[in-house]
Amino acid sequence: MTYKFPRKSLFVKTGVLFFIGWIVFAIAPSPAQSTDIPSAANSCIPKAQVARAEIIGSTMVQGKNYYLFAAYEQGDPVASDLIISIANKNCRRELYNPTGDRLALASAIPQTVARQLTLQRYQREIKRIGRATFEQQIKQSRSDRWFDEEVWALQQLGIRARKAAR
């Protein structure tokens, strides 16, 4: 004689929900870290200020890896720029801008690196909000000055911007 569970579908659904919950909590990255962050860069992230960091882009120049992060302080929805370089498994904080001042990345890193990281930042933003919205934001920008790496990156994307005075 076989016994049928009267609420088999409820039992299965509950089991599936518990399994999904387990996956989310056991496997998903912690909110304080992104899984994309190279382990060598971890010691250069100012953990006293940065609650969460997301990698925006990376490039390698002359044997040194550079990473641009969006660094979020606890409770702050606006990210700060954080650039970390890694050479020979040693990291160095090249730029951390928690005040959000408008700074050229090239003030802290080589121009070729600044250009590549800026291009990757723009490509990421276009992927997130769409090209038309991105172009509209550029056109409506209150900034009448653009840094060299920004102008270069926008040119690579076929978008015009005015260059900043030096």
C-alpha atoms as a PDB file:
ATOM      1  CA  MET A   1       0.000   0.000   0.000  1.00  0.00           C
ATOM      2  CA  THR A   2       1.362   3.400  -0.919  1.00  0.00           C
ATOM      3  CA  TYR A   3       0.754   6.561   0.964  1.00  0.00           C
ATOM      4  CA  LYS A   4       0.224   9.823  -0.884  1.00  0.00           C
ATOM      5  CA  PHE A   5       1.215  13.087   0.661  1.00  0.00           C
ATOM      6  CA  PRO A   6      -1.864  15.273   0.467  1.00  0.00           C
ATOM      7  CA  ARG A   7       0.175  18.451   0.110  1.00  0.00           C
ATOM      8  CA  LYS A   8       3.024  17.248  -2.036  1.00  0.00           C
ATOM      9  CA  SER A   9       3.229  20.474  -4.048  1.00  0.00           C
ATOM     10  CA  LEU A  10       3.447  22.559  -0.846  1.00  0.00           C
ATOM     11  CA  PHE A  11       6.161  20.235   0.464  1.00  0.00           C
ATOM     12  CA  VAL A  12       8.168  20.550  -2.777  1.00  0.00           C
ATOM     13  CA  LYS A  13       7.740  24.332  -2.899  1.00  0.00           C
ATOM     14  CA  THR A  14       8.904  24.686   0.704  1.00  0.00           C
ATOM     15  CA  GLY A  15      11.940  22.517   0.007  1.00  0.00           C
ATOM     16  CA  VAL A  16      12.839  24.552  -3.066  1.00  0.00           C
ATOM     17  CA  LEU A  17      12.536  27.824  -1.114  1.00  0.00           C
ATOM     18  CA  PHE A  18      14.805  26.509   1.653  1.00  0.00           C
ATOM     19  CA  PHE A  19      17.347  25.367  -0.940  1.00  0.00           C
ATOM     20  CA  ILE A  20      17.327  28.769  -2.688  1.00  0.00           C
ATOM     21  CA  GLY A  21      17.707  30.509   0.672  1.00  0.00           C
ATOM     22  CA  TRP A  22      20.664  28.317   1.519  1.00  0.00           C
ATOM     23  CA  ILE A  23      22.317  29.155  -1.795  1.00  0.00           C
ATOM     24  CA  VAL A  24      21.820  32.887  -1.271  1.00  0.00           C
ATOM     25  CA  PHE A  25      23.280  32.899   2.242  1.00  0.00           C
ATOM     26  CA  ALA A  26      25.948  30.217   1.895  1.00  0.00           C
ATOM     27  CA  ILE A  27      27.336  30.897  -1.555  1.00  0.00           C
ATOM     28  CA  ALA A  28      26.629  34.546  -2.399  1.00  0.00           C
ATOM     29  CA  PRO A  29      29.438  37.063  -1.719  1.00  0.00           C
ATOM     30  CA  SER A  30      29.228  39.055   1.474  1.00  0.00           C
ATOM     31  CA  PRO A  31      27.965  42.619   1.061  1.00  0.00           C
ATOM     32  CA  ALA A  32      31.315  43.977   2.248  1.00  0.00           C
ATOM     33  CA  GLN A  33      33.279  42.432  -0.612  1.00  0.00           C
ATOM     34  CA  SER A  34      32.802  41.733  -4.277  1.00  0.00           C
ATOM     35  CA  THR A  35      34.123  38.407  -5.548  1.00  0.00           C
ATOM     36  CA  ASP A  36      35.865  40.256  -8.394  1.00  0.00           C
ATOM     37  CA  ILE A  37      38.364  41.931  -6.054  1.00  0.00           C
ATOM     38  CA  PRO A  38      41.811  40.375  -6.435  1.00  0.00           C
ATOM     39  CA  SER A  39      43.064  39.003  -3.129  1.00  0.00           C
ATOM     40  CA  ALA A  40      46.284  41.028  -3.468  1.00  0.00           C
ATOM     41  CA  ALA A  41      44.218  44.249  -3.493  1.00  0.00           C
ATOM     42  CA  ASN A  42      42.314  43.520  -0.274  1.00  0.00           C
ATOM     43  CA  SER A  43      44.998  44.865   2.051  1.00  0.00           C
ATOM     44  CA  CYS A  44      44.952  48.228   0.232  1.00  0.00           C
ATOM     45  CA  ILE A  45      41.229  48.814   0.626  1.00  0.00           C
ATOM     46  CA  PRO A  46      40.763  51.210   3.555  1.00  0.00           C
ATOM     47  CA  LYS A  47      38.372  48.970   5.481  1.00  0.00           C
ATOM     48  CA  ALA A  48      37.873  51.541   8.249  1.00  0.00           C
ATOM     49  CA  GLN A  49      36.107  53.783   5.709  1.00  0.00           C
ATOM     50  CA  VAL A  50      34.966  51.419   2.949  1.00  0.00           C
ATOM     51  CA  ALA A  51      32.023  49.154   3.713  1.00  0.00           C
ATOM     52  CA  ARG A  52      31.765  47.771   0.173  1.00  0.00           C
ATOM     53  CA  ALA A  53      33.860  47.952  -2.986  1.00  0.00           C
ATOM     54  CA  GLU A  54      32.955  47.054  -6.555  1.00  0.00           C
ATOM     55  CA  ILE A  55      35.467  46.727  -9.341  1.00  0.00           C
ATOM     56  CA  ILE A  56      34.756  49.105 -12.214  1.00  0.00           C
ATOM     57  CA  GLY A  57      37.701  48.329 -14.447  1.00  0.00           C
ATOM     58  CA  SER A  58      41.268  47.137 -14.659  1.00  0.00           C
ATOM     59  CA  THR A  59      44.237  47.403 -16.952  1.00  0.00           C
ATOM     60  CA  MET A  60      47.868  46.343 -17.017  1.00  0.00           C
ATOM     61  CA  VAL A  61      50.713  48.673 -17.952  1.00  0.00           C
ATOM     62  CA  GLN A  62      54.405  47.757 -17.748  1.00  0.00           C
ATOM     63  CA  GLY A  63      53.815  44.710 -15.560  1.00  0.00           C
ATOM     64  CA  LYS A  64      51.598  46.570 -13.076  1.00  0.00           C
ATOM     65  CA  ASN A  65      47.871  45.905 -12.712  1.00  0.00           C
ATOM     66  CA  TYR A  66      45.637  48.871 -11.962  1.00  0.00           C
ATOM     67  CA  TYR A  67      42.111  48.527 -10.593  1.00  0.00           C
ATOM     68  CA  LEU A  68      39.429  51.200 -10.373  1.00  0.00           C
ATOM     69  CA  PHE A  69      36.870  50.543  -7.642  1.00  0.00           C
ATOM     70  CA  ALA A  70      33.617  52.150  -6.628  1.00  0.00           C
ATOM     71  CA  ALA A  71      34.136  52.403  -2.864  1.00  0.00           C
ATOM     72  CA  TYR A  72      31.044  52.848  -0.703  1.00  0.00           C
ATOM     73  CA  GLU A  73      31.195  54.084   2.866  1.00  0.00           C
ATOM     74  CA  GLN A  74      28.669  52.725   5.354  1.00  0.00           C
ATOM     75  CA  GLY A  75      25.232  54.158   4.583  1.00  0.00           C
ATOM     76  CA  ASP A  76      26.460  56.320   1.679  1.00  0.00           C
ATOM     77  CA  PRO A  77      24.825  55.489  -1.670  1.00  0.00           C
ATOM     78  CA  VAL A  78      27.401  57.549  -3.599  1.00  0.00           C
ATOM     79  CA  ALA A  79      30.649  55.786  -4.427  1.00  0.00           C
ATOM     80  CA  SER A  80      34.133  57.248  -4.163  1.00  0.00           C
ATOM     81  CA  ASP A  81      36.930  56.487  -6.594  1.00  0.00           C
ATOM     82  CA  LEU A  82      39.559  54.075  -5.326  1.00  0.00           C
ATOM     83  CA  ILE A  83      42.502  53.060  -7.508  1.00  0.00           C
ATOM     84  CA  ILE A  84      44.820  50.284  -6.406  1.00  0.00           C
ATOM     85  CA  SER A  85      47.860  49.015  -8.259  1.00  0.00           C
ATOM     86  CA  ILE A  86      49.460  45.607  -7.855  1.00  0.00           C
ATOM     87  CA  ALA A  87      53.000  44.707  -8.812  1.00  0.00           C
ATOM     88  CA  ASN A  88      54.868  41.618  -7.593  1.00  0.00           C
ATOM     89  CA  LYS A  89      51.906  40.691  -5.356  1.00  0.00           C
ATOM     90  CA  ASN A  90      52.259  44.007  -3.499  1.00  0.00           C
ATOM     91  CA  CYS A  91      49.448  46.516  -3.610  1.00  0.00           C
ATOM     92  CA  ARG A  92      49.515  50.275  -3.437  1.00  0.00           C
ATOM     93  CA  ARG A  93      46.646  52.709  -3.012  1.00  0.00           C
ATOM     94  CA  GLU A  94      47.153  55.180  -5.857  1.00  0.00           C
ATOM     95  CA  LEU A  95      44.021  57.286  -5.318  1.00  0.00           C
ATOM     96  CA  TYR A  96      41.197  57.414  -2.812  1.00  0.00           C
ATOM     97  CA  ASN A  97      38.750  60.280  -3.174  1.00  0.00           C
ATOM     98  CA  PRO A  98      36.140  59.990  -0.396  1.00  0.00           C
ATOM     99  CA  THR A  99      35.292  63.700  -0.593  1.00  0.00           C
ATOM    100  CA  GLY A 100      34.087  63.274  -4.179  1.00  0.00           C
ATOM    101  CA  ASP A 101      36.154  66.193  -5.458  1.00  0.00           C
ATOM    102  CA  ARG A 102      36.422  66.338  -9.222  1.00  0.00           C
ATOM    103  CA  LEU A 103      39.918  65.013  -9.875  1.00  0.00           C
ATOM    104  CA  ALA A 104      41.665  63.807 -12.975  1.00  0.00           C
ATOM    105  CA  LEU A 105      42.672  60.181 -12.522  1.00  0.00           C
ATOM    106  CA  ALA A 106      45.874  61.111 -14.345  1.00  0.00           C
ATOM    107  CA  SER A 107      46.833  63.226 -11.331  1.00  0.00           C
ATOM    108  CA  ALA A 108      47.603  59.961  -9.537  1.00  0.00           C
ATOM    109  CA  ILE A 109      48.314  57.380 -12.246  1.00  0.00           C
ATOM    110  CA  PRO A 110      49.839  57.335 -15.750  1.00  0.00           C
ATOM    111  CA  GLN A 111      47.682  58.931 -18.450  1.00  0.00           C
ATOM    112  CA  THR A 112      47.371  55.695 -20.449  1.00  0.00           C
ATOM    113  CA  VAL A 113      46.001  53.938 -17.369  1.00  0.00           C
ATOM    114  CA  ALA A 114      43.623  56.813 -16.578  1.00  0.00           C
ATOM    115  CA  ARG A 115      42.254  56.661 -20.118  1.00  0.00           C
ATOM    116  CA  GLN A 116      41.627  52.917 -20.044  1.00  0.00           C
ATOM    117  CA  LEU A 117      39.969  52.997 -16.617  1.00  0.00           C
ATOM    118  CA  THR A 118      37.782  55.957 -17.607  1.00  0.00           C
ATOM    119  CA  LEU A 119      36.721  54.177 -20.792  1.00  0.00           C
ATOM    120  CA  GLN A 120      35.794  51.097 -18.773  1.00  0.00           C
ATOM    121  CA  ARG A 121      33.846  53.261 -16.307  1.00  0.00           C
ATOM    122  CA  TYR A 122      31.836  54.778 -19.178  1.00  0.00           C
ATOM    123  CA  GLN A 123      31.253  51.400 -20.836  1.00  0.00           C
ATOM    124  CA  ARG A 124      29.981  50.024 -17.541  1.00  0.00           C
ATOM    125  CA  GLU A 125      27.644  52.993 -17.115  1.00  0.00           C
ATOM    126  CA  ILE A 126      26.335  52.638 -20.679  1.00  0.00           C
ATOM    127  CA  LYS A 127      25.629  48.978 -20.022  1.00  0.00           C
ATOM    128  CA  ARG A 128      23.798  49.918 -16.813  1.00  0.00           C
ATOM    129  CA  ILE A 129      21.638  52.833 -18.055  1.00  0.00           C
ATOM    130  CA  GLY A 130      21.793  52.596 -21.842  1.00  0.00           C
ATOM    131  CA  ARG A 131      23.685  54.646 -24.402  1.00  0.00           C
ATOM    132  CA  ALA A 132      20.936  57.219 -25.054  1.00  0.00           C
ATOM    133  CA  THR A 133      20.584  58.032 -21.347  1.00  0.00           C
ATOM    134  CA  PHE A 134      24.366  58.202 -20.938  1.00  0.00           C
ATOM    135  CA  GLU A 135      24.725  60.601 -23.875  1.00  0.00           C
ATOM    136  CA  GLN A 136      21.909  62.750 -22.498  1.00  0.00           C
ATOM    137  CA  GLN A 137      23.659  62.927 -19.120  1.00  0.00           C
ATOM    138  CA  ILE A 138      26.900  63.986 -20.802  1.00  0.00           C
ATOM    139  CA  LYS A 139      25.126  66.714 -22.765  1.00  0.00           C
ATOM    140  CA  GLN A 140      23.318  67.982 -19.662  1.00  0.00           C
ATOM    141  CA  SER A 141      26.415  67.830 -17.485  1.00  0.00           C
ATOM    142  CA  ARG A 142      27.064  71.027 -15.574  1.00  0.00           C
ATOM    143  CA  SER A 143      30.754  70.572 -16.090  1.00  0.00           C
ATOM    144  CA  ASP A 144      32.078  72.705 -18.886  1.00  0.00           C
ATOM    145  CA  ARG A 145      35.500  71.200 -18.362  1.00  0.00           C
ATOM    146  CA  TRP A 146      36.555  67.669 -19.120  1.00  0.00           C
ATOM    147  CA  PHE A 147      39.831  66.004 -18.219  1.00  0.00           C
ATOM    148  CA  ASP A 148      41.976  64.522 -20.968  1.00  0.00           C
ATOM    149  CA  GLU A 149      41.121  60.929 -20.027  1.00  0.00           C
ATOM    150  CA  GLU A 150      37.398  61.750 -20.108  1.00  0.00           C
ATOM    151  CA  VAL A 151      37.612  63.411 -23.531  1.00  0.00           C
ATOM    152  CA  TRP A 152      39.636  60.478 -24.862  1.00  0.00           C
ATOM    153  CA  ALA A 153      37.204  57.871 -23.475  1.00  0.00           C
ATOM    154  CA  LEU A 154      34.187  59.736 -24.853  1.00  0.00           C
ATOM    155  CA  GLN A 155      35.893  59.982 -28.258  1.00  0.00           C
ATOM    156  CA  GLN A 156      36.403  56.208 -28.222  1.00  0.00           C
ATOM    157  CA  LEU A 157      32.652  55.919 -27.708  1.00  0.00           C
ATOM    158  CA  GLY A 158      31.868  58.460 -30.445  1.00  0.00           C
ATOM    159  CA  ILE A 159      30.660  61.162 -28.002  1.00  0.00           C
ATOM    160  CA  ARG A 160      31.907  64.766 -27.930  1.00  0.00           C
ATOM    161  CA  ALA A 161      32.889  66.711 -24.815  1.00  0.00           C
ATOM    162  CA  ARG A 162      34.893  69.866 -24.178  1.00  0.00           C
ATOM    163  CA  LYS A 163      38.423  69.481 -22.896  1.00  0.00           C
ATOM    164  CA  ALA A 164      39.427  70.973 -19.532  1.00  0.00           C
ATOM    165  CA  ALA A 165      41.909  73.797 -19.269  1.00  0.00           C
ATOM    166  CA  ARG A 166      45.171  72.636 -17.756  1.00  0.00           C
END
